[in-house]
Amino acid sequence: MRKGTCSLIPVFLHAFFQSFKRYFLSFSQVGADVHSVRRGVGRDDRIGSKFLYSGPGYGGSCFPKDVSALVHTGRENDVEIELAVATDRVNQRQKGILVRKLRKHLGDLRGKRIAVWGIAFKPKTDDIRESPAITLIDSVIADGGQILAHDPIASKNAKELYKDQIKIVDDQYEATEGADALVLVTEWRPYQSPDFERLKETMTVPLLIDGRNIWSTYPLKGMGFNYEGVGVIGK
């Protein structure tokens, strides 16, 4: 095997996977129900449905680094790997989808209290590098909004990053007190079946932005919530 080939294999796999997933996510922008698309596409044995889930973009240390590395390697060899370039561009745009949904429902975010559940880029880690939650939090702060956030294990890293710019609490429901919206970013298990009646009591505005579509099967509209996922229509 040629020198450098082995190191490029995992880089290529990560970039290829995320390129395909960005293509899949485009369906959420054109009115398609991504659950139905995932089930249909997943029937093709060449693809499968295991990782075809809509969301607010990828983060962490591996995927962003490997996609960037593939672009850089190509340019070093006078090759523009356009699919990898587009993958990064689409992911950056996807990371802004949650704040765009907030603006759509609330208008000007100045003075609005936004509850955020999940800061880590995925469950079971305290890694907040490149997390979609960071993009959301930074955007709300820039718009003059207030952030009340909770994460089961990433709170320490978030506190080190934001200092006193946001309020990070130890109880997930405390984050929703007086909130104009609750945004779920990371699909931690404690968030998957919350006490919705309690949320209605604590929130000022019953607006739920579900970045992982884990609440899409609950009859939230009938419970009085304004619900929006990513590429799905709530019940």
Protein backbone atom coordinates (compact mmCIF):
# COMPACT_ATOMS: atom_id res chain seq x y z
CA MET A 1 0.00 0.00 0.00
CA ARG A 2 1.39 3.39 -0.98
CA LYS A 3 2.72 5.74 1.68
CA GLY A 4 -0.04 7.86 3.14
CA THR A 5 -2.83 5.62 1.89
CA CYS A 6 -3.59 4.06 5.29
CA SER A 7 -3.93 7.43 6.99
CA LEU A 8 -6.29 8.64 4.29
CA ILE A 9 -8.71 5.71 4.58
CA PRO A 10 -10.46 6.80 7.82
CA VAL A 11 -10.39 10.41 6.63
CA PHE A 12 -12.12 9.40 3.39
CA LEU A 13 -14.68 7.24 5.21
CA HIS A 14 -15.67 10.04 7.60
CA ALA A 15 -15.88 12.59 4.80
CA PHE A 16 -17.81 10.25 2.51
CA PHE A 17 -20.30 9.35 5.24
CA GLN A 18 -20.94 12.98 6.11
CA SER A 19 -21.21 13.92 2.43
CA PHE A 20 -23.95 11.34 1.98
CA LYS A 21 -25.69 12.42 5.16
CA ARG A 22 -25.65 16.10 4.08
CA TYR A 23 -27.38 14.98 0.87
CA PHE A 24 -29.98 13.17 2.95
CA LEU A 25 -30.51 16.23 5.13
CA SER A 26 -31.36 18.30 2.08
CA PHE A 27 -34.74 16.56 2.04
CA SER A 28 -35.63 18.33 5.29
CA GLN A 29 -35.35 21.64 3.44
CA VAL A 30 -37.84 20.84 0.69
CA GLY A 31 -40.85 19.73 2.72
CA ALA A 32 -40.22 15.97 2.77
CA ASP A 33 -40.80 13.93 5.93
CA VAL A 34 -37.32 12.66 6.78
CA HIS A 35 -38.64 9.69 8.75
CA SER A 36 -40.36 8.38 5.62
CA VAL A 37 -37.33 9.16 3.46
CA ARG A 38 -35.03 7.35 5.89
CA ARG A 39 -37.21 4.23 5.93
CA GLY A 40 -37.51 4.19 2.15
CA VAL A 41 -33.84 4.82 1.41
CA GLY A 42 -32.81 2.42 4.17
CA ARG A 43 -34.42 -0.48 2.34
CA ASP A 44 -31.63 -0.28 -0.19
CA ASP A 45 -28.97 -2.72 1.07
CA ARG A 46 -26.24 -0.57 -0.42
CA ILE A 47 -27.12 2.25 1.97
CA GLY A 48 -29.06 1.13 5.05
CA SER A 49 -30.80 3.39 7.55
CA LYS A 50 -28.70 3.06 10.70
CA PHE A 51 -27.16 6.53 10.55
CA LEU A 52 -29.74 8.37 8.45
CA TYR A 53 -31.16 10.71 11.05
CA SER A 54 -31.89 14.36 10.56
CA GLY A 55 -30.39 16.88 12.95
CA PRO A 56 -28.59 20.19 13.48
CA GLY A 57 -25.26 19.18 11.91
CA TYR A 58 -22.26 17.19 13.05
CA GLY A 59 -19.57 18.23 15.51
CA GLY A 60 -16.86 16.78 17.72
CA SER A 61 -13.21 16.29 16.91
CA CYS A 62 -13.28 13.59 14.21
CA PHE A 63 -15.77 14.43 11.46
CA PRO A 64 -14.96 18.16 11.12
CA LYS A 65 -11.22 17.49 11.25
CA ASP A 66 -11.32 14.68 8.70
CA VAL A 67 -13.50 16.55 6.23
CA SER A 68 -11.15 19.55 6.46
CA ALA A 69 -8.14 17.25 6.13
CA LEU A 70 -9.50 15.73 2.93
CA VAL A 71 -10.06 19.19 1.45
CA HIS A 72 -6.54 20.24 2.47
CA THR A 73 -4.93 17.07 1.10
CA GLY A 74 -6.67 17.57 -2.21
CA ARG A 75 -5.53 21.17 -2.50
CA GLU A 76 -1.96 20.20 -1.66
CA ASN A 77 -2.15 17.98 -4.73
CA ASP A 78 -3.93 20.57 -6.92
CA VAL A 79 -7.23 18.71 -6.64
CA GLU A 80 -10.41 20.43 -5.49
CA ILE A 81 -12.46 17.73 -3.78
CA GLU A 82 -15.69 19.60 -4.31
CA LEU A 83 -17.93 17.10 -2.54
CA ALA A 84 -15.93 17.46 0.69
CA VAL A 85 -15.93 21.26 0.34
CA ALA A 86 -19.70 21.23 -0.13
CA THR A 87 -20.12 18.86 2.83
CA ASP A 88 -18.42 21.33 5.16
CA ARG A 89 -20.38 24.25 3.73
CA VAL A 90 -23.73 22.48 4.11
CA ASN A 91 -22.86 21.39 7.64
CA GLN A 92 -22.05 24.94 8.67
CA ARG A 93 -25.40 26.07 7.29
CA GLN A 94 -27.20 23.18 9.01
CA LYS A 95 -25.76 24.20 12.36
CA GLY A 96 -27.70 27.43 12.08
CA ILE A 97 -31.06 25.72 11.59
CA LEU A 98 -32.06 25.84 15.25
CA VAL A 99 -31.62 29.58 15.70
CA ARG A 100 -33.38 30.15 12.38
CA LYS A 101 -36.37 28.24 13.73
CA LEU A 102 -36.29 30.34 16.90
CA ARG A 103 -36.32 33.55 14.86
CA LYS A 104 -39.17 32.25 12.75
CA HIS A 105 -41.37 31.67 15.79
CA LEU A 106 -40.21 34.42 18.15
CA GLY A 107 -38.99 37.14 15.79
CA ASP A 108 -36.43 39.37 17.49
CA LEU A 109 -34.61 37.31 20.13
CA ARG A 110 -33.50 40.31 22.14
CA GLY A 111 -34.46 39.74 25.78
CA LYS A 112 -35.89 36.28 25.06
CA ARG A 113 -35.06 33.44 27.46
CA ILE A 114 -34.01 30.34 25.55
CA ALA A 115 -33.65 27.00 27.35
CA VAL A 116 -31.12 24.61 25.83
CA TRP A 117 -31.02 20.91 26.61
CA GLY A 118 -27.72 19.37 25.59
CA ILE A 119 -24.38 21.09 24.93
CA ALA A 120 -22.13 18.13 24.05
CA PHE A 121 -21.93 17.28 20.36
CA LYS A 122 -23.40 13.84 21.09
CA PRO A 123 -24.61 11.85 24.13
CA LYS A 124 -22.22 10.07 26.48
CA THR A 125 -19.41 12.60 26.14
CA ASP A 126 -18.41 15.94 27.63
CA ASP A 127 -16.87 17.04 24.32
CA ILE A 128 -18.38 20.33 23.15
CA ARG A 129 -15.94 20.96 20.28
CA GLU A 130 -17.75 22.01 17.09
CA SER A 131 -21.07 21.17 18.78
CA PRO A 132 -24.23 22.52 17.12
CA ALA A 133 -25.16 23.81 20.58
CA ILE A 134 -22.23 26.22 20.44
CA THR A 135 -23.48 27.68 17.17
CA LEU A 136 -26.96 28.05 18.67
CA ILE A 137 -25.76 29.64 21.91
CA ASP A 138 -23.41 32.05 20.14
CA SER A 139 -26.19 33.12 17.77
CA VAL A 140 -28.72 33.73 20.56
CA ILE A 141 -26.17 35.75 22.53
CA ALA A 142 -25.35 37.79 19.42
CA ASP A 143 -29.09 38.48 18.99
CA GLY A 144 -29.35 39.74 22.57
CA GLY A 145 -31.11 36.69 23.98
CA GLN A 146 -30.50 34.89 27.26
CA ILE A 147 -29.42 31.25 27.50
CA LEU A 148 -30.31 28.84 30.29
CA ALA A 149 -28.63 25.53 29.56
CA HIS A 150 -28.35 22.02 30.94
CA ASP A 151 -26.17 19.05 30.04
CA PRO A 152 -25.67 15.90 32.14
CA ILE A 153 -21.87 15.91 31.92
CA ALA A 154 -20.64 18.70 29.61
CA SER A 155 -21.60 21.59 31.89
CA LYS A 156 -18.06 22.05 33.22
CA ASN A 157 -16.59 22.54 29.77
CA ALA A 158 -19.41 24.89 28.82
CA LYS A 159 -18.87 26.97 31.96
CA GLU A 160 -15.16 27.26 31.14
CA LEU A 161 -16.03 28.43 27.62
CA TYR A 162 -18.81 30.90 28.41
CA LYS A 163 -17.98 32.03 31.95
CA ASP A 164 -20.92 34.27 32.97
CA GLN A 165 -22.29 34.82 29.45
CA ILE A 166 -24.92 32.12 29.95
CA LYS A 167 -26.56 30.43 32.91
CA ILE A 168 -25.86 26.70 33.26
CA VAL A 169 -28.02 24.82 35.75
CA ASP A 170 -27.89 21.39 37.39
CA ASP A 171 -31.54 20.48 36.79
CA GLN A 172 -32.96 20.24 33.29
CA TYR A 173 -36.34 21.68 34.31
CA GLU A 174 -34.73 24.64 36.04
CA ALA A 175 -33.41 25.67 32.62
CA THR A 176 -36.99 25.97 31.34
CA GLU A 177 -38.28 28.30 34.05
CA GLY A 178 -39.69 31.38 32.35
CA ALA A 179 -38.36 30.22 28.97
CA ASP A 180 -39.73 31.54 25.69
CA ALA A 181 -38.57 28.34 23.98
CA LEU A 182 -36.91 25.03 24.74
CA VAL A 183 -34.37 23.78 22.21
CA LEU A 184 -33.24 20.17 22.38
CA VAL A 185 -29.79 19.85 20.82
CA THR A 186 -28.33 16.62 22.21
CA GLU A 187 -30.48 13.50 22.55
CA TRP A 188 -29.43 12.52 26.07
CA ARG A 189 -31.65 9.79 27.55
CA PRO A 190 -33.08 12.00 30.36
CA TYR A 191 -34.45 14.34 27.67
CA GLN A 192 -36.20 11.68 25.61
CA SER A 193 -39.34 11.30 27.73
CA PRO A 194 -39.70 14.53 29.70
CA ASP A 195 -42.60 15.60 31.88
CA PHE A 196 -44.43 17.73 29.32
CA GLU A 197 -47.04 18.91 31.83
CA ARG A 198 -44.25 20.24 34.01
CA LEU A 199 -42.75 21.99 30.99
CA LYS A 200 -46.03 23.74 30.28
CA GLU A 201 -46.12 24.99 33.85
CA THR A 202 -42.56 26.30 33.88
CA MET A 203 -42.29 27.80 30.38
CA THR A 204 -43.61 31.24 29.51
CA VAL A 205 -44.12 30.25 25.87
CA PRO A 206 -44.79 26.55 25.08
CA LEU A 207 -42.45 26.43 22.08
CA LEU A 208 -40.41 23.25 21.57
CA ILE A 209 -37.63 23.11 18.96
CA ASP A 210 -36.56 19.48 18.67
CA GLY A 211 -33.18 19.26 16.97
CA ARG A 212 -33.18 15.45 17.04
CA ASN A 213 -36.84 14.66 16.30
CA ILE A 214 -37.10 12.53 19.44
CA TRP A 215 -40.43 14.10 20.42
CA SER A 216 -42.04 13.91 16.99
CA THR A 217 -44.34 11.02 17.93
CA TYR A 218 -45.80 12.70 21.02
CA PRO A 219 -49.20 14.45 20.58
CA LEU A 220 -47.68 17.78 21.57
CA LYS A 221 -50.02 20.02 19.61
CA GLY A 222 -52.95 18.51 21.47
CA MET A 223 -51.13 19.26 24.71
CA GLY A 224 -50.89 22.92 23.77
CA PHE A 225 -47.30 23.05 22.55
CA ASN A 226 -45.99 24.67 19.41
CA TYR A 227 -43.62 21.97 18.17
CA GLU A 228 -41.08 21.94 15.37
CA GLY A 229 -38.51 19.30 14.53
CA VAL A 230 -36.02 19.04 11.68
CA GLY A 231 -37.76 17.81 8.57
CA VAL A 232 -40.76 16.31 10.38
CA ILE A 233 -44.29 17.42 11.17
CA GLY A 234 -45.23 16.86 14.79
CA LYS A 235 -48.53 15.40 15.94
